[in-house]
Amino acid sequence: PGKQRELVAVVYNGGSTNYLESVKGRFTIS
């Protein structure tokens, strides 16, 4: 609420991933 939409995690073709800094080590995308 009251904040911009932000990218949390993404998985690309080939399997590479990126994470929001604040969720690294806690969230896993698959």
mmCIF file of all heavy atoms, coordinates in Angstrom:
data_MODEL
# 
_entry.id   MODEL 
# 
loop_
_atom_site.group_PDB 
_atom_site.id 
_atom_site.type_symbol 
_atom_site.label_atom_id 
_atom_site.label_alt_id 
_atom_site.label_comp_id 
_atom_site.label_asym_id 
_atom_site.label_entity_id 
_atom_site.label_seq_id 
_atom_site.pdbx_PDB_ins_code 
_atom_site.Cartn_x 
_atom_site.Cartn_y 
_atom_site.Cartn_z 
_atom_site.occupancy 
_atom_site.B_iso_or_equiv 
_atom_site.pdbx_formal_charge 
_atom_site.auth_seq_id 
_atom_site.auth_comp_id 
_atom_site.auth_asym_id 
_atom_site.auth_atom_id 
_atom_site.pdbx_PDB_model_num 
ATOM 1   N N   . PRO A 1 1  ? 0.824  -1.213  0.000   1.00 0.00 ? 1  PRO A N   1 
ATOM 2   C CA  . PRO A 1 1  ? 0.000  0.000   0.000   1.00 0.00 ? 1  PRO A CA  1 
ATOM 3   C C   . PRO A 1 1  ? 0.855  1.259   0.000   1.00 0.00 ? 1  PRO A C   1 
ATOM 4   O O   . PRO A 1 1  ? 1.788  1.390   0.804   1.00 0.00 ? 1  PRO A O   1 
ATOM 5   C CB  . PRO A 1 1  ? -0.808 -0.130  1.292   1.00 0.00 ? 1  PRO A CB  1 
ATOM 6   C CG  . PRO A 1 1  ? -0.868 -1.590  1.552   1.00 0.00 ? 1  PRO A CG  1 
ATOM 7   C CD  . PRO A 1 1  ? 0.438  -2.137  1.078   1.00 0.00 ? 1  PRO A CD  1 
ATOM 8   N N   . GLY A 1 2  ? 0.553  2.164   -0.913  1.00 0.00 ? 2  GLY A N   1 
ATOM 9   C CA  . GLY A 1 2  ? 1.261  3.428   -0.980  1.00 0.00 ? 2  GLY A CA  1 
ATOM 10  C C   . GLY A 1 2  ? 2.643  3.369   -1.589  1.00 0.00 ? 2  GLY A C   1 
ATOM 11  O O   . GLY A 1 2  ? 3.377  4.358   -1.583  1.00 0.00 ? 2  GLY A O   1 
ATOM 12  N N   . LYS A 1 3  ? 3.006  2.198   -2.120  1.00 0.00 ? 3  LYS A N   1 
ATOM 13  C CA  . LYS A 1 3  ? 4.347  2.046   -2.700  1.00 0.00 ? 3  LYS A CA  1 
ATOM 14  C C   . LYS A 1 3  ? 4.254  1.636   -4.162  1.00 0.00 ? 3  LYS A C   1 
ATOM 15  O O   . LYS A 1 3  ? 3.232  1.163   -4.639  1.00 0.00 ? 3  LYS A O   1 
ATOM 16  C CB  . LYS A 1 3  ? 5.148  1.009   -1.912  1.00 0.00 ? 3  LYS A CB  1 
ATOM 17  C CG  . LYS A 1 3  ? 5.464  1.436   -0.492  1.00 0.00 ? 3  LYS A CG  1 
ATOM 18  C CD  . LYS A 1 3  ? 6.454  0.491   0.152   1.00 0.00 ? 3  LYS A CD  1 
ATOM 19  C CE  . LYS A 1 3  ? 6.856  0.970   1.534   1.00 0.00 ? 3  LYS A CE  1 
ATOM 20  N NZ  . LYS A 1 3  ? 7.842  0.068   2.164   1.00 0.00 ? 3  LYS A NZ  1 
ATOM 21  N N   . GLN A 1 4  ? 5.390  1.814   -4.862  1.00 0.00 ? 4  GLN A N   1 
ATOM 22  C CA  . GLN A 1 4  ? 5.475  1.396   -6.256  1.00 0.00 ? 4  GLN A CA  1 
ATOM 23  C C   . GLN A 1 4  ? 5.569  -0.117  -6.344  1.00 0.00 ? 4  GLN A C   1 
ATOM 24  O O   . GLN A 1 4  ? 6.084  -0.768  -5.437  1.00 0.00 ? 4  GLN A O   1 
ATOM 25  C CB  . GLN A 1 4  ? 6.739  2.001   -6.896  1.00 0.00 ? 4  GLN A CB  1 
ATOM 26  C CG  . GLN A 1 4  ? 6.801  3.509   -6.878  1.00 0.00 ? 4  GLN A CG  1 
ATOM 27  C CD  . GLN A 1 4  ? 6.267  4.120   -8.150  1.00 0.00 ? 4  GLN A CD  1 
ATOM 28  O OE1 . GLN A 1 4  ? 5.461  3.519   -8.849  1.00 0.00 ? 4  GLN A OE1 1 
ATOM 29  N NE2 . GLN A 1 4  ? 6.720  5.325   -8.458  1.00 0.00 ? 4  GLN A NE2 1 
ATOM 30  N N   . ARG A 1 5  ? 5.102  -0.639  -7.459  1.00 0.00 ? 5  ARG A N   1 
ATOM 31  C CA  . ARG A 1 5  ? 5.283  -2.067  -7.725  1.00 0.00 ? 5  ARG A CA  1 
ATOM 32  C C   . ARG A 1 5  ? 6.774  -2.319  -7.960  1.00 0.00 ? 5  ARG A C   1 
ATOM 33  O O   . ARG A 1 5  ? 7.430  -1.551  -8.673  1.00 0.00 ? 5  ARG A O   1 
ATOM 34  C CB  . ARG A 1 5  ? 4.467  -2.503  -8.931  1.00 0.00 ? 5  ARG A CB  1 
ATOM 35  C CG  . ARG A 1 5  ? 4.423  -3.995  -9.148  1.00 0.00 ? 5  ARG A CG  1 
ATOM 36  C CD  . ARG A 1 5  ? 3.478  -4.377  -10.276 1.00 0.00 ? 5  ARG A CD  1 
ATOM 37  N NE  . ARG A 1 5  ? 2.090  -4.041  -9.953  1.00 0.00 ? 5  ARG A NE  1 
ATOM 38  C CZ  . ARG A 1 5  ? 1.051  -4.476  -10.673 1.00 0.00 ? 5  ARG A CZ  1 
ATOM 39  N NH1 . ARG A 1 5  ? 1.256  -5.261  -11.733 1.00 0.00 ? 5  ARG A NH1 1 
ATOM 40  N NH2 . ARG A 1 5  ? -0.163 -4.114  -10.346 1.00 0.00 ? 5  ARG A NH2 1 
ATOM 41  N N   . GLU A 1 6  ? 7.283  -3.394  -7.359  1.00 0.00 ? 6  GLU A N   1 
ATOM 42  C CA  . GLU A 1 6  ? 8.705  -3.697  -7.510  1.00 0.00 ? 6  GLU A CA  1 
ATOM 43  C C   . GLU A 1 6  ? 8.914  -5.152  -7.910  1.00 0.00 ? 6  GLU A C   1 
ATOM 44  O O   . GLU A 1 6  ? 8.129  -6.031  -7.541  1.00 0.00 ? 6  GLU A O   1 
ATOM 45  C CB  . GLU A 1 6  ? 9.459  -3.402  -6.200  1.00 0.00 ? 6  GLU A CB  1 
ATOM 46  C CG  . GLU A 1 6  ? 9.007  -4.209  -4.999  1.00 0.00 ? 6  GLU A CG  1 
ATOM 47  C CD  . GLU A 1 6  ? 9.747  -3.840  -3.721  1.00 0.00 ? 6  GLU A CD  1 
ATOM 48  O OE1 . GLU A 1 6  ? 10.668 -2.999  -3.754  1.00 0.00 ? 6  GLU A OE1 1 
ATOM 49  O OE2 . GLU A 1 6  ? 9.398  -4.421  -2.665  1.00 0.00 ? 6  GLU A OE2 1 
ATOM 50  N N   . LEU A 1 7  ? 10.001 -5.366  -8.645  1.00 0.00 ? 7  LEU A N   1 
ATOM 51  C CA  . LEU A 1 7  ? 10.349 -6.725  -9.049  1.00 0.00 ? 7  LEU A CA  1 
ATOM 52  C C   . LEU A 1 7  ? 10.944 -7.461  -7.866  1.00 0.00 ? 7  LEU A C   1 
ATOM 53  O O   . LEU A 1 7  ? 11.902 -6.993  -7.249  1.00 0.00 ? 7  LEU A O   1 
ATOM 54  C CB  . LEU A 1 7  ? 11.368 -6.681  -10.198 1.00 0.00 ? 7  LEU A CB  1 
ATOM 55  C CG  . LEU A 1 7  ? 11.903 -8.033  -10.661 1.00 0.00 ? 7  LEU A CG  1 
ATOM 56  C CD1 . LEU A 1 7  ? 10.794 -8.891  -11.240 1.00 0.00 ? 7  LEU A CD1 1 
ATOM 57  C CD2 . LEU A 1 7  ? 13.011 -7.826  -11.693 1.00 0.00 ? 7  LEU A CD2 1 
ATOM 58  N N   . VAL A 1 8  ? 10.392 -8.622  -7.572  1.00 0.00 ? 8  VAL A N   1 
ATOM 59  C CA  . VAL A 1 8  ? 10.876 -9.434  -6.461  1.00 0.00 ? 8  VAL A CA  1 
ATOM 60  C C   . VAL A 1 8  ? 11.876 -10.467 -6.958  1.00 0.00 ? 8  VAL A C   1 
ATOM 61  O O   . VAL A 1 8  ? 12.956 -10.628 -6.389  1.00 0.00 ? 8  VAL A O   1 
ATOM 62  C CB  . VAL A 1 8  ? 9.709  -10.139 -5.749  1.00 0.00 ? 8  VAL A CB  1 
ATOM 63  C CG1 . VAL A 1 8  ? 10.228 -11.057 -4.647  1.00 0.00 ? 8  VAL A CG1 1 
ATOM 64  C CG2 . VAL A 1 8  ? 8.726  -9.118  -5.193  1.00 0.00 ? 8  VAL A CG2 1 
ATOM 65  N N   . ALA A 1 9  ? 11.503 -11.169 -8.013  1.00 0.00 ? 9  ALA A N   1 
ATOM 66  C CA  . ALA A 1 9  ? 12.371 -12.224 -8.535  1.00 0.00 ? 9  ALA A CA  1 
ATOM 67  C C   . ALA A 1 9  ? 11.963 -12.546 -9.962  1.00 0.00 ? 9  ALA A C   1 
ATOM 68  O O   . ALA A 1 9  ? 10.793 -12.406 -10.319 1.00 0.00 ? 9  ALA A O   1 
ATOM 69  C CB  . ALA A 1 9  ? 12.283 -13.487 -7.673  1.00 0.00 ? 9  ALA A CB  1 
ATOM 70  N N   . VAL A 1 10 ? 12.950 -12.961 -10.758 1.00 0.00 ? 10 VAL A N   1 
ATOM 71  C CA  . VAL A 1 10 ? 12.687 -13.325 -12.143 1.00 0.00 ? 10 VAL A CA  1 
ATOM 72  C C   . VAL A 1 10 ? 13.576 -14.505 -12.509 1.00 0.00 ? 10 VAL A C   1 
ATOM 73  O O   . VAL A 1 10 ? 14.721 -14.606 -12.045 1.00 0.00 ? 10 VAL A O   1 
ATOM 74  C CB  . VAL A 1 10 ? 12.923 -12.134 -13.094 1.00 0.00 ? 10 VAL A CB  1 
ATOM 75  C CG1 . VAL A 1 10 ? 14.337 -11.618 -13.016 1.00 0.00 ? 10 VAL A CG1 1 
ATOM 76  C CG2 . VAL A 1 10 ? 12.542 -12.492 -14.522 1.00 0.00 ? 10 VAL A CG2 1 
ATOM 77  N N   . VAL A 1 11 ? 13.022 -15.385 -13.334 1.00 0.00 ? 11 VAL A N   1 
ATOM 78  C CA  . VAL A 1 11 ? 13.806 -16.501 -13.874 1.00 0.00 ? 11 VAL A CA  1 
ATOM 79  C C   . VAL A 1 11 ? 13.718 -16.425 -15.392 1.00 0.00 ? 11 VAL A C   1 
ATOM 80  O O   . VAL A 1 11 ? 12.635 -16.303 -15.970 1.00 0.00 ? 11 VAL A O   1 
ATOM 81  C CB  . VAL A 1 11 ? 13.312 -17.868 -13.334 1.00 0.00 ? 11 VAL A CB  1 
ATOM 82  C CG1 . VAL A 1 11 ? 11.835 -18.102 -13.591 1.00 0.00 ? 11 VAL A CG1 1 
ATOM 83  C CG2 . VAL A 1 11 ? 14.148 -19.006 -13.909 1.00 0.00 ? 11 VAL A CG2 1 
ATOM 84  N N   . TYR A 1 12 ? 14.885 -16.457 -16.029 1.00 0.00 ? 12 TYR A N   1 
ATOM 85  C CA  . TYR A 1 12 ? 14.976 -16.329 -17.479 1.00 0.00 ? 12 TYR A CA  1 
ATOM 86  C C   . TYR A 1 12 ? 15.106 -17.712 -18.125 1.00 0.00 ? 12 TYR A C   1 
ATOM 87  O O   . TYR A 1 12 ? 15.488 -18.684 -17.456 1.00 0.00 ? 12 TYR A O   1 
ATOM 88  C CB  . TYR A 1 12 ? 16.196 -15.494 -17.859 1.00 0.00 ? 12 TYR A CB  1 
ATOM 89  C CG  . TYR A 1 12 ? 16.142 -14.079 -17.332 1.00 0.00 ? 12 TYR A CG  1 
ATOM 90  C CD1 . TYR A 1 12 ? 16.795 -13.733 -16.156 1.00 0.00 ? 12 TYR A CD1 1 
ATOM 91  C CD2 . TYR A 1 12 ? 15.435 -13.089 -18.018 1.00 0.00 ? 12 TYR A CD2 1 
ATOM 92  C CE1 . TYR A 1 12 ? 16.739 -12.430 -15.665 1.00 0.00 ? 12 TYR A CE1 1 
ATOM 93  C CE2 . TYR A 1 12 ? 15.382 -11.794 -17.534 1.00 0.00 ? 12 TYR A CE2 1 
ATOM 94  C CZ  . TYR A 1 12 ? 16.031 -11.475 -16.362 1.00 0.00 ? 12 TYR A CZ  1 
ATOM 95  O OH  . TYR A 1 12 ? 15.973 -10.194 -15.891 1.00 0.00 ? 12 TYR A OH  1 
ATOM 96  N N   . ASN A 1 13 ? 14.813 -17.770 -19.416 1.00 0.00 ? 13 ASN A N   1 
ATOM 97  C CA  . ASN A 1 13 ? 15.113 -18.985 -20.167 1.00 0.00 ? 13 ASN A CA  1 
ATOM 98  C C   . ASN A 1 13 ? 16.602 -19.284 -20.012 1.00 0.00 ? 13 ASN A C   1 
ATOM 99  O O   . ASN A 1 13 ? 17.423 -18.397 -20.104 1.00 0.00 ? 13 ASN A O   1 
ATOM 100 C CB  . ASN A 1 13 ? 14.788 -18.796 -21.645 1.00 0.00 ? 13 ASN A CB  1 
ATOM 101 C CG  . ASN A 1 13 ? 13.343 -19.064 -21.952 1.00 0.00 ? 13 ASN A CG  1 
ATOM 102 O OD1 . ASN A 1 13 ? 12.583 -19.489 -21.091 1.00 0.00 ? 13 ASN A OD1 1 
ATOM 103 N ND2 . ASN A 1 13 ? 12.944 -18.805 -23.176 1.00 0.00 ? 13 ASN A ND2 1 
ATOM 104 N N   . GLY A 1 14 ? 16.899 -20.522 -19.757 1.00 0.00 ? 14 GLY A N   1 
ATOM 105 C CA  . GLY A 1 14 ? 18.284 -20.880 -19.480 1.00 0.00 ? 14 GLY A CA  1 
ATOM 106 C C   . GLY A 1 14 ? 18.539 -21.025 -18.000 1.00 0.00 ? 14 GLY A C   1 
ATOM 107 O O   . GLY A 1 14 ? 19.548 -21.600 -17.582 1.00 0.00 ? 14 GLY A O   1 
ATOM 108 N N   . GLY A 1 15 ? 17.599 -20.478 -17.175 1.00 0.00 ? 15 GLY A N   1 
ATOM 109 C CA  . GLY A 1 15 ? 17.662 -20.733 -15.756 1.00 0.00 ? 15 GLY A CA  1 
ATOM 110 C C   . GLY A 1 15 ? 18.267 -19.662 -14.876 1.00 0.00 ? 15 GLY A C   1 
ATOM 111 O O   . GLY A 1 15 ? 18.243 -19.774 -13.650 1.00 0.00 ? 15 GLY A O   1 
ATOM 112 N N   . SER A 1 16 ? 18.831 -18.620 -15.463 1.00 0.00 ? 16 SER A N   1 
ATOM 113 C CA  . SER A 1 16 ? 19.410 -17.582 -14.611 1.00 0.00 ? 16 SER A CA  1 
ATOM 114 C C   . SER A 1 16 ? 18.303 -16.829 -13.880 1.00 0.00 ? 16 SER A C   1 
ATOM 115 O O   . SER A 1 16 ? 17.176 -16.741 -14.360 1.00 0.00 ? 16 SER A O   1 
ATOM 116 C CB  . SER A 1 16 ? 20.256 -16.618 -15.428 1.00 0.00 ? 16 SER A CB  1 
ATOM 117 O OG  . SER A 1 16 ? 19.470 -15.959 -16.389 1.00 0.00 ? 16 SER A OG  1 
ATOM 118 N N   . THR A 1 17 ? 18.642 -16.322 -12.708 1.00 0.00 ? 17 THR A N   1 
ATOM 119 C CA  . THR A 1 17 ? 17.661 -15.649 -11.862 1.00 0.00 ? 17 THR A CA  1 
ATOM 120 C C   . THR A 1 17 ? 18.208 -14.324 -11.342 1.00 0.00 ? 17 THR A C   1 
ATOM 121 O O   . THR A 1 17 ? 19.420 -14.115 -11.259 1.00 0.00 ? 17 THR A O   1 
ATOM 122 C CB  . THR A 1 17 ? 17.292 -16.527 -10.652 1.00 0.00 ? 17 THR A CB  1 
ATOM 123 O OG1 . THR A 1 17 ? 18.482 -16.846 -9.921  1.00 0.00 ? 17 THR A OG1 1 
ATOM 124 C CG2 . THR A 1 17 ? 16.612 -17.822 -11.088 1.00 0.00 ? 17 THR A CG2 1 
ATOM 125 N N   . ASN A 1 18 ? 17.290 -13.451 -10.993 1.00 0.00 ? 18 ASN A N   1 
ATOM 126 C CA  . ASN A 1 18 ? 17.626 -12.208 -10.309 1.00 0.00 ? 18 ASN A CA  1 
ATOM 127 C C   . ASN A 1 18 ? 16.643 -11.994 -9.176  1.00 0.00 ? 18 ASN A C   1 
ATOM 128 O O   . ASN A 1 18 ? 15.462 -12.352 -9.298  1.00 0.00 ? 18 ASN A O   1 
ATOM 129 C CB  . ASN A 1 18 ? 17.556 -11.006 -11.253 1.00 0.00 ? 18 ASN A CB  1 
ATOM 130 C CG  . ASN A 1 18 ? 18.833 -10.811 -12.026 1.00 0.00 ? 18 ASN A CG  1 
ATOM 131 O OD1 . ASN A 1 18 ? 19.925 -11.097 -11.525 1.00 0.00 ? 18 ASN A OD1 1 
ATOM 132 N ND2 . ASN A 1 18 ? 18.720 -10.326 -13.247 1.00 0.00 ? 18 ASN A ND2 1 
ATOM 133 N N   . TYR A 1 19 ? 17.131 -11.392 -8.092  1.00 0.00 ? 19 TYR A N   1 
ATOM 134 C CA  . TYR A 1 19 ? 16.297 -11.163 -6.919  1.00 0.00 ? 19 TYR A CA  1 
ATOM 135 C C   . TYR A 1 19 ? 16.425 -9.731  -6.422  1.00 0.00 ? 19 TYR A C   1 
ATOM 136 O O   . TYR A 1 19 ? 17.490 -9.112  -6.525  1.00 0.00 ? 19 TYR A O   1 
ATOM 137 C CB  . TYR A 1 19 ? 16.707 -12.095 -5.771  1.00 0.00 ? 19 TYR A CB  1 
ATOM 138 C CG  . TYR A 1 19 ? 16.438 -13.547 -6.016  1.00 0.00 ? 19 TYR A CG  1 
ATOM 139 C CD1 . TYR A 1 19 ? 17.401 -14.367 -6.588  1.00 0.00 ? 19 TYR A CD1 1 
ATOM 140 C CD2 . TYR A 1 19 ? 15.208 -14.109 -5.668  1.00 0.00 ? 19 TYR A CD2 1 
ATOM 141 C CE1 . TYR A 1 19 ? 17.151 -15.712 -6.820  1.00 0.00 ? 19 TYR A CE1 1 
ATOM 142 C CE2 . TYR A 1 19 ? 14.949 -15.452 -5.895  1.00 0.00 ? 19 TYR A CE2 1 
ATOM 143 C CZ  . TYR A 1 19 ? 15.922 -16.247 -6.465  1.00 0.00 ? 19 TYR A CZ  1 
ATOM 144 O OH  . TYR A 1 19 ? 15.664 -17.574 -6.685  1.00 0.00 ? 19 TYR A OH  1 
ATOM 145 N N   . LEU A 1 20 ? 15.347 -9.236  -5.852  1.00 0.00 ? 20 LEU A N   1 
ATOM 146 C CA  . LEU A 1 20 ? 15.387 -7.998  -5.087  1.00 0.00 ? 20 LEU A CA  1 
ATOM 147 C C   . LEU A 1 20 ? 16.360 -8.213  -3.941  1.00 0.00 ? 20 LEU A C   1 
ATOM 148 O O   . LEU A 1 20 ? 16.346 -9.269  -3.289  1.00 0.00 ? 20 LEU A O   1 
ATOM 149 C CB  . LEU A 1 20 ? 13.984 -7.696  -4.570  1.00 0.00 ? 20 LEU A CB  1 
ATOM 150 C CG  . LEU A 1 20 ? 13.760 -6.437  -3.760  1.00 0.00 ? 20 LEU A CG  1 
ATOM 151 C CD1 . LEU A 1 20 ? 13.939 -5.203  -4.633  1.00 0.00 ? 20 LEU A CD1 1 
ATOM 152 C CD2 . LEU A 1 20 ? 12.360 -6.458  -3.149  1.00 0.00 ? 20 LEU A CD2 1 
ATOM 153 N N   . GLU A 1 21 ? 17.183 -7.224  -3.680  1.00 0.00 ? 21 GLU A N   1 
ATOM 154 C CA  . GLU A 1 21 ? 18.234 -7.382  -2.675  1.00 0.00 ? 21 GLU A CA  1 
ATOM 155 C C   . GLU A 1 21 ? 17.683 -7.826  -1.322  1.00 0.00 ? 21 GLU A C   1 
ATOM 156 O O   . GLU A 1 21 ? 18.262 -8.692  -0.654  1.00 0.00 ? 21 GLU A O   1 
ATOM 157 C CB  . GLU A 1 21 ? 18.994 -6.068  -2.526  1.00 0.00 ? 21 GLU A CB  1 
ATOM 158 C CG  . GLU A 1 21 ? 20.251 -6.163  -1.670  1.00 0.00 ? 21 GLU A CG  1 
ATOM 159 C CD  . GLU A 1 21 ? 21.322 -7.047  -2.283  1.00 0.00 ? 21 GLU A CD  1 
ATOM 160 O OE1 . GLU A 1 21 ? 21.442 -7.098  -3.526  1.00 0.00 ? 21 GLU A OE1 1 
ATOM 161 O OE2 . GLU A 1 21 ? 22.024 -7.716  -1.499  1.00 0.00 ? 21 GLU A OE2 1 
ATOM 162 N N   . SER A 1 22 ? 16.556 -7.271  -0.936  1.00 0.00 ? 22 SER A N   1 
ATOM 163 C CA  . SER A 1 22 ? 16.017 -7.537  0.403   1.00 0.00 ? 22 SER A CA  1 
ATOM 164 C C   . SER A 1 22 ? 15.452 -8.944  0.575   1.00 0.00 ? 22 SER A C   1 
ATOM 165 O O   . SER A 1 22 ? 15.162 -9.358  1.699   1.00 0.00 ? 22 SER A O   1 
ATOM 166 C CB  . SER A 1 22 ? 14.945 -6.516  0.753   1.00 0.00 ? 22 SER A CB  1 
ATOM 167 O OG  . SER A 1 22 ? 13.850 -6.601  -0.141  1.00 0.00 ? 22 SER A OG  1 
ATOM 168 N N   . VAL A 1 23 ? 15.297 -9.694  -0.523  1.00 0.00 ? 23 VAL A N   1 
ATOM 169 C CA  . VAL A 1 23 ? 14.752 -11.057 -0.408  1.00 0.00 ? 23 VAL A CA  1 
ATOM 170 C C   . VAL A 1 23 ? 15.805 -12.119 -0.697  1.00 0.00 ? 23 VAL A C   1 
ATOM 171 O O   . VAL A 1 23 ? 15.525 -13.317 -0.560  1.00 0.00 ? 23 VAL A O   1 
ATOM 172 C CB  . VAL A 1 23 ? 13.522 -11.278 -1.323  1.00 0.00 ? 23 VAL A CB  1 
ATOM 173 C CG1 . VAL A 1 23 ? 12.493 -10.177 -1.105  1.00 0.00 ? 23 VAL A CG1 1 
ATOM 174 C CG2 . VAL A 1 23 ? 13.908 -11.395 -2.789  1.00 0.00 ? 23 VAL A CG2 1 
ATOM 175 N N   . LYS A 1 24 ? 16.993 -11.699 -1.074  1.00 0.00 ? 24 LYS A N   1 
ATOM 176 C CA  . LYS A 1 24 ? 18.058 -12.675 -1.371  1.00 0.00 ? 24 LYS A CA  1 
ATOM 177 C C   . LYS A 1 24 ? 18.336 -13.537 -0.152  1.00 0.00 ? 24 LYS A C   1 
ATOM 178 O O   . LYS A 1 24 ? 18.456 -13.049 0.964   1.00 0.00 ? 24 LYS A O   1 
ATOM 179 C CB  . LYS A 1 24 ? 19.325 -11.945 -1.804  1.00 0.00 ? 24 LYS A CB  1 
ATOM 180 C CG  . LYS A 1 24 ? 19.263 -11.398 -3.217  1.00 0.00 ? 24 LYS A CG  1 
ATOM 181 C CD  . LYS A 1 24 ? 20.575 -10.720 -3.596  1.00 0.00 ? 24 LYS A CD  1 
ATOM 182 C CE  . LYS A 1 24 ? 20.522 -10.163 -5.005  1.00 0.00 ? 24 LYS A CE  1 
ATOM 183 N NZ  . LYS A 1 24 ? 21.762 -9.448  -5.372  1.00 0.00 ? 24 LYS A NZ  1 
ATOM 184 N N   . GLY A 1 25 ? 18.440 -14.838 -0.394  1.00 0.00 ? 25 GLY A N   1 
ATOM 185 C CA  . GLY A 1 25 ? 18.700 -15.782 0.684   1.00 0.00 ? 25 GLY A CA  1 
ATOM 186 C C   . GLY A 1 25 ? 17.443 -16.251 1.394   1.00 0.00 ? 25 GLY A C   1 
ATOM 187 O O   . GLY A 1 25 ? 17.492 -17.195 2.186   1.00 0.00 ? 25 GLY A O   1 
ATOM 188 N N   . ARG A 1 26 ? 16.312 -15.587 1.124   1.00 0.00 ? 26 ARG A N   1 
ATOM 189 C CA  . ARG A 1 26 ? 15.047 -15.978 1.765   1.00 0.00 ? 26 ARG A CA  1 
ATOM 190 C C   . ARG A 1 26 ? 14.032 -16.504 0.750   1.00 0.00 ? 26 ARG A C   1 
ATOM 191 O O   . ARG A 1 26 ? 13.254 -17.406 1.067   1.00 0.00 ? 26 ARG A O   1 
ATOM 192 C CB  . ARG A 1 26 ? 14.437 -14.790 2.506   1.00 0.00 ? 26 ARG A CB  1 
ATOM 193 C CG  . ARG A 1 26 ? 15.325 -14.218 3.591   1.00 0.00 ? 26 ARG A CG  1 
ATOM 194 C CD  . ARG A 1 26 ? 14.569 -13.165 4.416   1.00 0.00 ? 26 ARG A CD  1 
ATOM 195 N NE  . ARG A 1 26 ? 14.179 -11.996 3.645   1.00 0.00 ? 26 ARG A NE  1 
ATOM 196 C CZ  . ARG A 1 26 ? 12.918 -11.577 3.498   1.00 0.00 ? 26 ARG A CZ  1 
ATOM 197 N NH1 . ARG A 1 26 ? 11.933 -12.243 4.074   1.00 0.00 ? 26 ARG A NH1 1 
ATOM 198 N NH2 . ARG A 1 26 ? 12.652 -10.494 2.779   1.00 0.00 ? 26 ARG A NH2 1 
ATOM 199 N N   . PHE A 1 27 ? 14.028 -15.936 -0.442  1.00 0.00 ? 27 PHE A N   1 
ATOM 200 C CA  . PHE A 1 27 ? 13.071 -16.326 -1.479  1.00 0.00 ? 27 PHE A CA  1 
ATOM 201 C C   . PHE A 1 27 ? 13.803 -17.094 -2.574  1.00 0.00 ? 27 PHE A C   1 
ATOM 202 O O   . PHE A 1 27 ? 14.964 -16.802 -2.891  1.00 0.00 ? 27 PHE A O   1 
ATOM 203 C CB  . PHE A 1 27 ? 12.428 -15.093 -2.116  1.00 0.00 ? 27 PHE A CB  1 
ATOM 204 C CG  . PHE A 1 27 ? 11.487 -14.326 -1.232  1.00 0.00 ? 27 PHE A CG  1 
ATOM 205 C CD1 . PHE A 1 27 ? 11.389 -14.572 0.113   1.00 0.00 ? 27 PHE A CD1 1 
ATOM 206 C CD2 . PHE A 1 27 ? 10.679 -13.329 -1.783  1.00 0.00 ? 27 PHE A CD2 1 
ATOM 207 C CE1 . PHE A 1 27 ? 10.518 -13.848 0.924   1.00 0.00 ? 27 PHE A CE1 1 
ATOM 208 C CE2 . PHE A 1 27 ? 9.807  -12.602 -0.992  1.00 0.00 ? 27 PHE A CE2 1 
ATOM 209 C CZ  . PHE A 1 27 ? 9.725  -12.859 0.361   1.00 0.00 ? 27 PHE A CZ  1 
ATOM 210 N N   . THR A 1 28 ? 13.087 -18.044 -3.167  1.00 0.00 ? 28 THR A N   1 
ATOM 211 C CA  . THR A 1 28 ? 13.633 -18.801 -4.283  1.00 0.00 ? 28 THR A CA  1 
ATOM 212 C C   . THR A 1 28 ? 12.589 -18.903 -5.377  1.00 0.00 ? 28 THR A C   1 
ATOM 213 O O   . THR A 1 28 ? 11.458 -19.334 -5.127  1.00 0.00 ? 28 THR A O   1 
ATOM 214 C CB  . THR A 1 28 ? 14.041 -20.217 -3.850  1.00 0.00 ? 28 THR A CB  1 
ATOM 215 O OG1 . THR A 1 28 ? 14.998 -20.139 -2.779  1.00 0.00 ? 28 THR A OG1 1 
ATOM 216 C CG2 . THR A 1 28 ? 14.667 -20.976 -5.012  1.00 0.00 ? 28 THR A CG2 1 
ATOM 217 N N   . ILE A 1 29 ? 12.968 -18.505 -6.580  1.00 0.00 ? 29 ILE A N   1 
ATOM 218 C CA  . ILE A 1 29 ? 12.070 -18.606 -7.722  1.00 0.00 ? 29 ILE A CA  1 
ATOM 219 C C   . ILE A 1 29 ? 12.462 -19.834 -8.537  1.00 0.00 ? 29 ILE A C   1 
ATOM 220 O O   . ILE A 1 29 ? 13.641 -20.157 -8.666  1.00 0.00 ? 29 ILE A O   1 
ATOM 221 C CB  . ILE A 1 29 ? 12.105 -17.326 -8.593  1.00 0.00 ? 29 ILE A CB  1 
ATOM 222 C CG1 . ILE A 1 29 ? 10.981 -17.350 -9.629  1.00 0.00 ? 29 ILE A CG1 1 
ATOM 223 C CG2 . ILE A 1 29 ? 13.468 -17.136 -9.252  1.00 0.00 ? 29 ILE A CG2 1 
ATOM 224 C CD1 . ILE A 1 29 ? 10.779 -16.011 -10.351 1.00 0.00 ? 29 ILE A CD1 1 
ATOM 225 N N   . SER A 1 30 ? 11.446 -20.519 -9.057  1.00 0.00 ? 30 SER A N   1 
ATOM 226 C CA  . SER A 1 30 ? 11.694 -21.677 -9.909  1.00 0.00 ? 30 SER A CA  1 
ATOM 227 C C   . SER A 1 30 ? 10.587 -21.767 -10.947 1.00 0.00 ? 30 SER A C   1 
ATOM 228 O O   . SER A 1 30 ? 9.546  -21.116 -10.824 1.00 0.00 ? 30 SER A O   1 
ATOM 229 C CB  . SER A 1 30 ? 11.756 -22.966 -9.074  1.00 0.00 ? 30 SER A CB  1 
ATOM 230 O OG  . SER A 1 30 ? 10.547 -23.189 -8.390  1.00 0.00 ? 30 SER A OG  1 
# 
